[in-house]
Amino acid sequence: MTALPSESPPIRALVVDDDPIIVQLLCAFLRSRGYEAEDCADGQEALERVRDGGINLVLTDRHMPRMDGLALCRAIRALRSDAYIYCIMLTTAREESSLVAAMEAGVDDFVPKPIRLQELGARLRAAERVLGLEAGLASRNRDLAEAYEQLSRELELARVLQLGQLPPAGNFGRIGFDWVFEASGYVGGDIFDYFELPGGCVGFFLADVSGHGVAAAMMAFHVQQQLRAVSQYVAPPVLQAQGLGAAAVAAVTEYNRRFLQMKETSLYLTLLYGLIDPAAGQLAVVQAGHPPALHAARAQDELVPVGDGGLPVGILPEPGYEAVVLPFGAGARLALYSDGITDCQDTAGQEFGIDRLRQLLQRHRDETLNEAGRRLHAALRAWHGDGPFHDDVTFLAVEGR
C-alpha cells in the first residue's frame, strides 16, 4: 500500500463511469493507495453525492447517460465548497478541441483509456500534491482568521481604553471644555487633555502623533501621561517667577527633552499646548508644528488664527519654542483641531480647510461648545460622505465663562 504524503488530507474519491468493470478496477486501485472510494454510474448521481460533502477527488468518464463528464465538472466548479475538489477525466478523445473544452469545464487532469495503472498513479501523486497544498493553505487561512479575530478583539478593547482616557466635557471654575473625537481606525494617534494645576491655572493640549494604528495610539497614551506630569511640576514654579508664557514654553520644552530621551522610533508629534490663568484673564499658547488655534478674546470678536508654526516635538533637542499670550476672559473662545479636520476631503478631493472651519464655528459662535462641536462633526460627515475618515478627527473647544 502506498502511503499518502504527510501534508495531504485524507482523500475520499468518487469514481463516475457507467462501465462496471472500469469502476471495479479504479476503486480497487484507489483503495490500494489508502483512499476511500465510492462509485456512481452517471453524472447526475455523482453531483448529488458531491453536494453531500466530503469528496475531494473525482474520476469521471467523458461520456455517460443523463449528465456527461463535462457537465459534471462544470456543475462541481459552480458549487460553493470550502475545500477544493480535484477532477480527473477518463477519455479516449485525443482531439485538441476536446481537451480544451474539458479544461474550460474545470478538469484538472486526464487519464486516457485504456487505463494504465502506472500512469494513473503518477496523475494521482500530482492530485495529492495539489490537495495537500490546498489543505495547507486552508489551514493557514483558518489560523489567519483566528488571529484576525483575536486582533480585532484586542483592538476593540484598545479603542475602549483609549476613549476611556479622554477627559469628560466640563468646567474648571470659569473655564469650560468640550470636544469631538473620531479615530480613523480602531485606535487613533490624536490625544487631548485638560487639567487643573497648583495655583489655580488650567492646562490643556491637543497632540497628533505621526502615523496611525497601535504604535501611534501607544505613543498618544505616553503623551497624555507625560504632559500631565510635566505640567504639574514644571509650570507652577516658572509661572511664579517668569509668567504664564514662560511656564507654557518650559512645559513643552521639558516634554520635548523627555521625548527625545525615550524614543527609539521615527515617531514624532505636533502639539498645541496652553495654560490659562482665569484670575488674570490670560491665555498662553505654544505651537509645536500643529495647525494654529482659532481665538476670540470676547463674545463679539471673530475667531482668528493664532501662531505661526514651530517645530514638532521629537525633532531637535533645542527647538526654541515660543508662547503667544492672549486675553481670555468671559465670552472668550479657543478652538483646537487636528489636521484630520482641515485636510478632510470630499469626493472630488477638495479639502475642508481652515477657512471653512473658521466660518462654520463663527456662524455658531452663540451656541454652546457642545452644539458647535456637533455641527462641526455633521458638516465633516456631510463633506466626506460615508465611510471612515482618512485621518483622526479631533476638535477641542475652550471657553471663558
Protein backbone atom coordinates (compact mmCIF):
# COMPACT_ATOMS: atom_id res chain seq x y z
CA MET A 1 0.00 0.00 0.00
CA THR A 2 1.33 3.45 -0.93
CA ALA A 3 1.25 5.93 1.96
CA LEU A 4 -0.08 9.39 1.41
CA PRO A 5 2.27 12.36 1.89
CA SER A 6 2.09 13.63 5.46
CA GLU A 7 0.77 17.03 4.35
CA SER A 8 -2.03 15.56 2.25
CA PRO A 9 -5.57 15.42 3.64
CA PRO A 10 -7.44 12.09 3.67
CA ILE A 11 -8.65 11.52 0.12
CA ARG A 12 -12.23 10.46 -0.49
CA ALA A 13 -12.57 9.60 -4.14
CA LEU A 14 -15.67 9.24 -6.30
CA VAL A 15 -15.42 7.13 -9.48
CA VAL A 16 -18.06 8.01 -12.07
CA ASP A 17 -18.44 5.61 -15.00
CA ASP A 18 -21.22 3.51 -16.48
CA ASP A 19 -18.79 0.62 -17.14
CA PRO A 20 -18.85 -1.63 -14.02
CA ILE A 21 -15.52 -3.27 -14.89
CA ILE A 22 -13.70 0.09 -15.03
CA VAL A 23 -15.42 1.15 -11.81
CA GLN A 24 -14.30 -2.02 -10.05
CA LEU A 25 -10.71 -1.64 -11.33
CA LEU A 26 -10.41 2.00 -10.33
CA CYS A 27 -11.97 1.61 -6.89
CA ALA A 28 -9.63 -1.28 -6.09
CA PHE A 29 -6.61 0.72 -7.21
CA LEU A 30 -7.63 3.80 -5.23
CA ARG A 31 -8.20 1.78 -2.08
CA SER A 32 -4.75 0.19 -2.51
CA ARG A 33 -3.33 3.72 -2.21
CA GLY A 34 -5.13 4.36 1.07
CA TYR A 35 -8.03 6.32 -0.40
CA GLU A 36 -11.68 5.93 0.45
CA ALA A 37 -13.51 5.16 -2.80
CA GLU A 38 -17.16 5.30 -3.84
CA ASP A 39 -18.75 4.96 -7.27
CA CYS A 40 -21.66 6.27 -9.31
CA ALA A 41 -22.97 5.27 -12.73
CA ASP A 42 -23.74 8.75 -14.12
CA GLY A 43 -23.01 12.43 -13.62
CA GLN A 44 -26.37 13.34 -12.09
CA GLU A 45 -25.98 10.81 -9.30
CA ALA A 46 -22.36 11.89 -8.81
CA LEU A 47 -23.31 15.56 -8.46
CA GLU A 48 -25.76 14.75 -5.69
CA ARG A 49 -23.05 12.77 -3.90
CA VAL A 50 -20.58 15.65 -4.21
CA ARG A 51 -23.19 18.03 -2.83
CA ASP A 52 -23.44 15.84 0.26
CA GLY A 53 -19.84 16.80 1.03
CA GLY A 54 -16.62 15.00 1.90
CA ILE A 55 -15.49 14.18 -1.66
CA ASN A 56 -12.22 15.81 -2.73
CA LEU A 57 -11.26 13.68 -5.77
CA VAL A 58 -13.49 12.81 -8.73
CA LEU A 59 -12.50 10.43 -11.56
CA THR A 60 -15.15 10.66 -14.23
CA ASP A 61 -15.72 9.25 -17.68
CA ARG A 62 -16.25 11.71 -20.56
CA HIS A 63 -19.40 10.06 -21.98
CA MET A 64 -22.21 8.94 -19.65
CA PRO A 65 -26.03 8.92 -19.60
CA ARG A 66 -28.12 11.74 -18.04
CA MET A 67 -25.11 14.01 -17.36
CA ASP A 68 -21.75 13.62 -19.07
CA GLY A 69 -18.34 14.28 -17.56
CA LEU A 70 -18.01 17.86 -18.86
CA ALA A 71 -21.37 18.88 -17.43
CA LEU A 72 -20.48 17.21 -14.13
CA CYS A 73 -17.19 19.14 -13.84
CA ARG A 74 -18.88 22.42 -14.70
CA ALA A 75 -21.52 21.74 -12.06
CA ILE A 76 -18.85 20.87 -9.46
CA ARG A 77 -16.99 24.12 -10.14
CA ALA A 78 -20.24 26.04 -9.71
CA LEU A 79 -20.75 24.63 -6.21
CA ARG A 80 -19.82 26.70 -3.16
CA SER A 81 -17.32 24.43 -1.47
CA ASP A 82 -14.87 25.16 1.35
CA ALA A 83 -12.39 22.59 0.01
CA TYR A 84 -11.07 22.07 -3.49
CA ILE A 85 -12.33 19.06 -5.48
CA TYR A 86 -9.72 17.68 -7.88
CA CYS A 87 -11.25 16.36 -11.12
CA ILE A 88 -9.61 13.76 -13.40
CA MET A 89 -11.32 12.84 -16.67
CA LEU A 90 -11.13 9.42 -18.29
CA THR A 91 -11.24 9.90 -22.03
CA THR A 92 -10.38 8.34 -25.34
CA ALA A 93 -10.52 11.68 -27.09
CA ARG A 94 -7.22 12.93 -28.47
CA GLU A 95 -8.50 15.97 -30.33
CA GLU A 96 -7.13 19.28 -29.00
CA SER A 97 -10.58 20.92 -29.03
CA SER A 98 -11.96 18.20 -26.74
CA LEU A 99 -9.13 18.68 -24.23
CA VAL A 100 -9.57 22.46 -24.27
CA ALA A 101 -13.30 22.07 -23.65
CA ALA A 102 -12.56 19.77 -20.71
CA MET A 103 -10.11 22.24 -19.16
CA GLU A 104 -12.60 25.07 -19.57
CA ALA A 105 -15.16 22.90 -17.81
CA GLY A 106 -12.82 22.63 -14.79
CA VAL A 107 -10.98 19.35 -15.41
CA ASP A 108 -7.60 19.25 -13.66
CA ASP A 109 -6.02 16.27 -15.41
CA PHE A 110 -6.70 13.49 -17.92
CA VAL A 111 -6.20 9.71 -17.96
CA PRO A 112 -6.55 8.09 -21.38
CA LYS A 113 -8.33 4.81 -21.98
CA PRO A 114 -7.28 2.04 -21.90
CA ILE A 115 -6.14 2.86 -18.38
CA ARG A 116 -2.50 2.21 -17.46
CA LEU A 117 -2.28 1.99 -13.69
CA GLN A 118 1.31 3.24 -13.57
CA GLU A 119 0.33 6.44 -15.39
CA LEU A 120 -2.78 6.80 -13.22
CA GLY A 121 -0.59 6.53 -10.12
CA ALA A 122 1.57 9.40 -11.37
CA ARG A 123 -1.53 11.52 -12.01
CA LEU A 124 -2.78 10.75 -8.51
CA ARG A 125 0.50 11.84 -6.96
CA ALA A 126 0.01 15.21 -8.66
CA ALA A 127 -3.51 15.31 -7.25
CA GLU A 128 -2.16 14.55 -3.77
CA ARG A 129 0.30 17.44 -4.01
CA VAL A 130 -2.40 19.86 -5.12
CA LEU A 131 -4.83 18.75 -2.43
CA GLY A 132 -2.04 18.88 0.16
CA LEU A 133 -1.18 22.45 -0.82
CA GLU A 134 -4.84 23.40 -0.79
CA ALA A 135 -5.34 21.86 2.65
CA GLY A 136 -2.26 23.64 3.97
CA LEU A 137 -3.48 26.93 2.56
CA ALA A 138 -6.91 26.39 4.07
CA SER A 139 -5.30 25.63 7.44
CA ARG A 140 -3.19 28.78 7.27
CA ASN A 141 -6.26 30.79 6.28
CA ARG A 142 -8.09 29.44 9.32
CA ASP A 143 -5.13 30.38 11.51
CA LEU A 144 -5.07 33.86 9.97
CA ALA A 145 -8.82 34.23 10.50
CA GLU A 146 -8.45 33.24 14.16
CA ALA A 147 -5.52 35.64 14.57
CA TYR A 148 -7.53 38.41 12.92
CA GLU A 149 -10.45 37.77 15.24
CA GLN A 150 -8.12 37.92 18.24
CA LEU A 151 -6.50 41.10 16.95
CA SER A 152 -9.91 42.65 16.31
CA ARG A 153 -10.98 41.88 19.88
CA GLU A 154 -7.78 43.37 21.26
CA LEU A 155 -8.06 46.47 19.07
CA GLU A 156 -11.66 46.94 20.15
CA LEU A 157 -10.51 46.77 23.77
CA ALA A 158 -7.74 49.27 22.96
CA ARG A 159 -10.34 51.58 21.41
CA VAL A 160 -12.50 51.39 24.53
CA LEU A 161 -9.48 52.03 26.75
CA GLN A 162 -8.34 54.97 24.63
CA LEU A 163 -11.78 56.56 24.74
CA GLY A 164 -11.79 55.97 28.49
CA GLN A 165 -8.62 58.04 28.80
CA LEU A 166 -10.26 61.11 27.27
CA PRO A 167 -11.47 63.67 29.80
CA PRO A 168 -15.19 64.32 30.22
CA ALA A 169 -16.63 67.60 28.99
CA GLY A 170 -16.97 70.06 31.84
CA ASN A 171 -15.71 73.10 33.68
CA PHE A 172 -12.73 74.08 35.77
CA GLY A 173 -14.21 77.07 37.54
CA ARG A 174 -14.74 79.72 34.87
CA ILE A 175 -13.12 77.67 32.08
CA GLY A 176 -15.26 75.23 30.08
CA PHE A 177 -14.17 72.42 27.74
CA ASP A 178 -15.90 70.22 25.17
CA TRP A 179 -14.68 68.08 22.31
CA VAL A 180 -15.30 65.91 19.26
CA PHE A 181 -13.16 62.85 18.52
CA GLU A 182 -13.42 60.14 15.87
CA ALA A 183 -10.46 57.86 15.15
CA SER A 184 -9.80 56.85 11.55
CA GLY A 185 -9.34 53.22 12.70
CA TYR A 186 -9.84 51.21 15.87
CA VAL A 187 -7.42 53.49 17.70
CA GLY A 188 -6.03 56.91 16.88
CA GLY A 189 -2.84 58.90 17.22
CA ASP A 190 -4.61 62.08 18.35
CA ILE A 191 -4.83 62.84 22.05
CA PHE A 192 -6.00 65.79 24.13
CA ASP A 193 -6.46 66.59 27.78
CA TYR A 194 -7.15 69.42 30.25
CA PHE A 195 -6.39 69.63 33.94
CA GLU A 196 -6.00 71.96 36.90
CA LEU A 197 -2.56 73.00 38.11
CA PRO A 198 -1.42 74.16 41.55
CA GLY A 199 -2.14 77.85 41.98
CA GLY A 200 -5.42 77.89 40.05
CA CYS A 201 -4.19 77.74 36.44
CA VAL A 202 -5.66 75.32 33.91
CA GLY A 203 -3.52 73.41 31.41
CA PHE A 204 -4.65 71.81 28.18
CA PHE A 205 -3.23 70.41 24.94
CA LEU A 206 -4.03 68.66 21.69
CA ALA A 207 -1.36 66.42 20.13
CA ASP A 208 -1.22 64.49 16.86
CA VAL A 209 1.27 61.61 16.77
CA SER A 210 2.70 60.81 13.35
CA GLY A 211 1.33 57.68 11.74
CA HIS A 212 -1.68 55.57 12.63
CA GLY A 213 -2.52 52.35 14.42
CA VAL A 214 -1.34 50.77 17.63
CA ALA A 215 2.13 52.37 17.77
CA ALA A 216 0.68 55.87 17.37
CA ALA A 217 -2.04 55.12 19.95
CA MET A 218 0.53 53.87 22.47
CA MET A 219 2.61 56.99 21.92
CA ALA A 220 -0.53 59.11 22.37
CA PHE A 221 -1.05 57.49 25.77
CA HIS A 222 2.54 58.38 26.66
CA VAL A 223 1.96 61.98 25.57
CA GLN A 224 -1.06 62.30 27.84
CA GLN A 225 0.65 60.87 30.92
CA GLN A 226 3.92 62.74 30.49
CA LEU A 227 2.46 66.12 29.60
CA ARG A 228 0.23 65.99 32.65
CA ALA A 229 3.20 65.14 34.87
CA VAL A 230 5.48 67.76 33.30
CA SER A 231 2.79 70.41 33.63
CA GLN A 232 2.28 69.66 37.32
CA TYR A 233 5.87 70.15 38.44
CA VAL A 234 7.46 72.37 35.71
CA ALA A 235 4.83 75.02 35.01
CA PRO A 236 3.90 76.34 38.52
CA PRO A 237 7.35 77.49 39.67
CA VAL A 238 8.16 79.04 36.29
CA LEU A 239 4.77 80.75 36.29
CA GLN A 240 5.52 82.41 39.62
CA ALA A 241 8.99 83.52 38.60
CA GLN A 242 8.63 84.38 34.91
CA GLY A 243 4.96 84.47 33.97
CA LEU A 244 2.39 82.48 32.02
CA GLY A 245 4.12 82.40 28.63
CA ALA A 246 7.44 81.21 30.07
CA ALA A 247 5.66 78.48 32.03
CA ALA A 248 3.98 77.14 28.87
CA VAL A 249 7.30 77.17 26.99
CA ALA A 250 9.06 75.41 29.87
CA ALA A 251 6.48 72.60 29.96
CA VAL A 252 6.68 71.89 26.21
CA THR A 253 10.48 72.16 26.17
CA GLU A 254 10.79 69.68 29.03
CA TYR A 255 8.43 67.23 27.34
CA ASN A 256 10.42 67.52 24.11
CA ARG A 257 13.57 66.64 26.09
CA ARG A 258 11.90 63.58 27.62
CA PHE A 259 10.52 62.51 24.28
CA LEU A 260 13.94 62.57 22.65
CA GLN A 261 15.41 60.55 25.52
CA MET A 262 12.87 57.76 25.32
CA LYS A 263 12.06 57.45 21.66
CA GLU A 264 13.58 54.66 19.60
CA THR A 265 11.30 55.02 16.62
CA SER A 266 10.75 57.53 13.85
CA LEU A 267 7.57 58.81 15.51
CA TYR A 268 7.16 62.47 16.33
CA LEU A 269 4.15 64.60 17.17
CA THR A 270 2.66 68.00 16.60
CA LEU A 271 1.37 69.75 19.69
CA LEU A 272 -0.66 72.75 20.70
CA TYR A 273 -0.21 73.38 24.41
CA GLY A 274 -1.88 76.07 26.52
CA LEU A 275 -2.11 77.49 30.02
CA ILE A 276 -4.96 79.68 31.24
CA ASP A 277 -4.81 81.96 34.26
CA PRO A 278 -8.52 82.61 34.98
CA ALA A 279 -7.75 85.20 37.66
CA ALA A 280 -5.63 87.27 35.28
CA GLY A 281 -7.85 86.59 32.27
CA GLN A 282 -4.85 85.41 30.22
CA LEU A 283 -4.05 82.52 27.91
CA ALA A 284 -0.61 81.35 26.77
CA VAL A 285 -0.34 79.06 23.73
CA VAL A 286 2.74 77.19 22.44
CA GLN A 287 2.54 75.84 18.91
CA ALA A 288 4.83 72.90 18.08
CA GLY A 289 4.21 72.17 14.43
CA HIS A 290 0.45 71.97 14.99
CA PRO A 291 -2.23 73.80 12.98
CA PRO A 292 -2.96 77.21 14.51
CA ALA A 293 -5.69 77.57 17.11
CA LEU A 294 -8.67 79.85 16.45
CA HIS A 295 -9.08 82.53 19.14
CA ALA A 296 -11.67 85.15 20.02
CA ALA A 297 -10.99 87.32 23.09
CA ARG A 298 -14.60 88.38 23.60
CA ALA A 299 -18.07 87.13 22.68
CA GLN A 300 -18.43 89.73 19.90
CA ASP A 301 -14.98 89.10 18.38
CA GLU A 302 -14.34 86.94 15.34
CA LEU A 303 -12.25 83.80 15.58
CA VAL A 304 -8.75 84.37 14.16
CA PRO A 305 -5.76 82.00 13.75
CA VAL A 306 -3.09 82.16 16.45
CA GLY A 307 0.55 81.17 15.98
CA ASP A 308 2.83 80.64 13.02
CA GLY A 309 4.23 77.12 13.35
CA GLY A 310 7.14 75.91 15.43
CA LEU A 311 8.94 72.55 15.25
CA PRO A 312 7.11 69.32 16.12
CA VAL A 313 8.08 67.52 19.31
CA GLY A 314 10.82 64.94 18.79
CA ILE A 315 12.80 66.69 16.05
CA LEU A 316 15.51 68.82 17.74
CA PRO A 317 16.80 68.99 21.34
CA GLU A 318 16.65 72.82 21.34
CA PRO A 319 13.54 73.66 19.30
CA GLY A 320 13.25 77.24 20.52
CA TYR A 321 9.56 77.21 21.34
CA GLU A 322 7.75 80.49 21.85
CA ALA A 323 4.45 81.34 23.52
CA VAL A 324 1.69 83.68 22.38
CA VAL A 325 -0.04 85.37 25.33
CA LEU A 326 -3.65 86.42 24.69
CA PRO A 327 -6.59 87.81 26.68
CA PHE A 328 -9.06 85.14 27.80
CA GLY A 329 -11.92 86.33 29.92
CA ALA A 330 -15.67 85.79 29.96
CA GLY A 331 -17.01 85.05 26.46
CA ALA A 332 -13.58 84.19 25.04
CA ARG A 333 -13.18 81.05 22.95
CA LEU A 334 -10.33 78.95 21.65
CA ALA A 335 -10.70 76.16 19.10
CA LEU A 336 -8.00 73.48 18.73
CA TYR A 337 -8.19 70.88 15.99
CA SER A 338 -6.14 68.23 14.22
CA ASP A 339 -5.27 68.33 10.53
CA GLY A 340 -7.73 65.46 10.11
CA ILE A 341 -10.36 68.21 10.06
CA THR A 342 -8.76 70.74 7.74
CA ASP A 343 -7.35 68.01 5.43
CA CYS A 344 -10.66 66.12 5.28
CA GLN A 345 -11.54 65.67 1.60
CA ASP A 346 -14.84 65.46 -0.23
CA THR A 347 -15.44 63.03 -3.10
CA ALA A 348 -13.76 65.45 -5.53
CA GLY A 349 -10.61 65.63 -3.40
CA GLN A 350 -11.22 69.17 -2.11
CA GLU A 351 -10.07 69.81 1.46
CA PHE A 352 -12.33 71.17 4.16
CA GLY A 353 -9.72 73.79 5.02
CA ILE A 354 -9.17 76.24 7.85
CA ASP A 355 -11.31 78.98 6.29
CA ARG A 356 -14.37 76.74 6.07
CA LEU A 357 -13.74 75.58 9.65
CA ARG A 358 -13.42 79.15 10.93
CA GLN A 359 -16.56 80.29 9.11
CA LEU A 360 -18.59 77.36 10.44
CA LEU A 361 -17.51 77.99 14.02
CA GLN A 362 -18.15 81.71 13.59
CA ARG A 363 -21.72 81.09 12.38
CA HIS A 364 -22.41 79.08 15.51
CA ARG A 365 -20.48 81.34 17.86
CA ASP A 366 -23.55 81.96 20.04
CA GLU A 367 -24.24 78.24 20.54
CA THR A 368 -22.79 76.12 23.33
CA LEU A 369 -19.48 74.34 22.86
CA ASN A 370 -21.29 71.04 22.60
CA GLU A 371 -23.71 72.30 19.94
CA ALA A 372 -20.87 73.85 17.95
CA GLY A 373 -18.96 70.55 18.09
CA ARG A 374 -21.98 68.57 16.90
CA ARG A 375 -22.47 70.97 13.99
CA LEU A 376 -18.83 70.60 13.01
CA HIS A 377 -18.99 66.82 13.10
CA ALA A 378 -22.16 66.80 10.99
CA ALA A 379 -20.55 69.17 8.48
CA LEU A 380 -17.46 66.97 8.21
CA ARG A 381 -19.54 63.85 7.75
CA ALA A 382 -21.61 65.53 5.02
CA TRP A 383 -18.40 66.80 3.40
CA HIS A 384 -16.56 63.47 3.48
CA GLY A 385 -19.51 61.14 2.89
CA ASP A 386 -19.94 57.63 4.23
CA GLY A 387 -17.05 55.52 5.39
CA PRO A 388 -14.24 56.13 7.88
CA PHE A 389 -12.27 59.34 7.83
CA HIS A 390 -8.78 59.03 6.37
CA ASP A 391 -7.25 60.66 9.46
CA ASP A 392 -8.29 61.12 13.08
CA VAL A 393 -10.83 63.90 13.54
CA THR A 394 -10.24 65.82 16.77
CA PHE A 395 -11.71 69.12 17.93
CA LEU A 396 -11.20 70.70 21.34
CA ALA A 397 -13.10 73.84 22.32
CA VAL A 398 -12.29 76.08 25.30
CA GLU A 399 -14.49 78.87 26.65
CA GLY A 400 -14.16 81.58 29.31
CA ARG A 401 -17.27 81.94 31.47
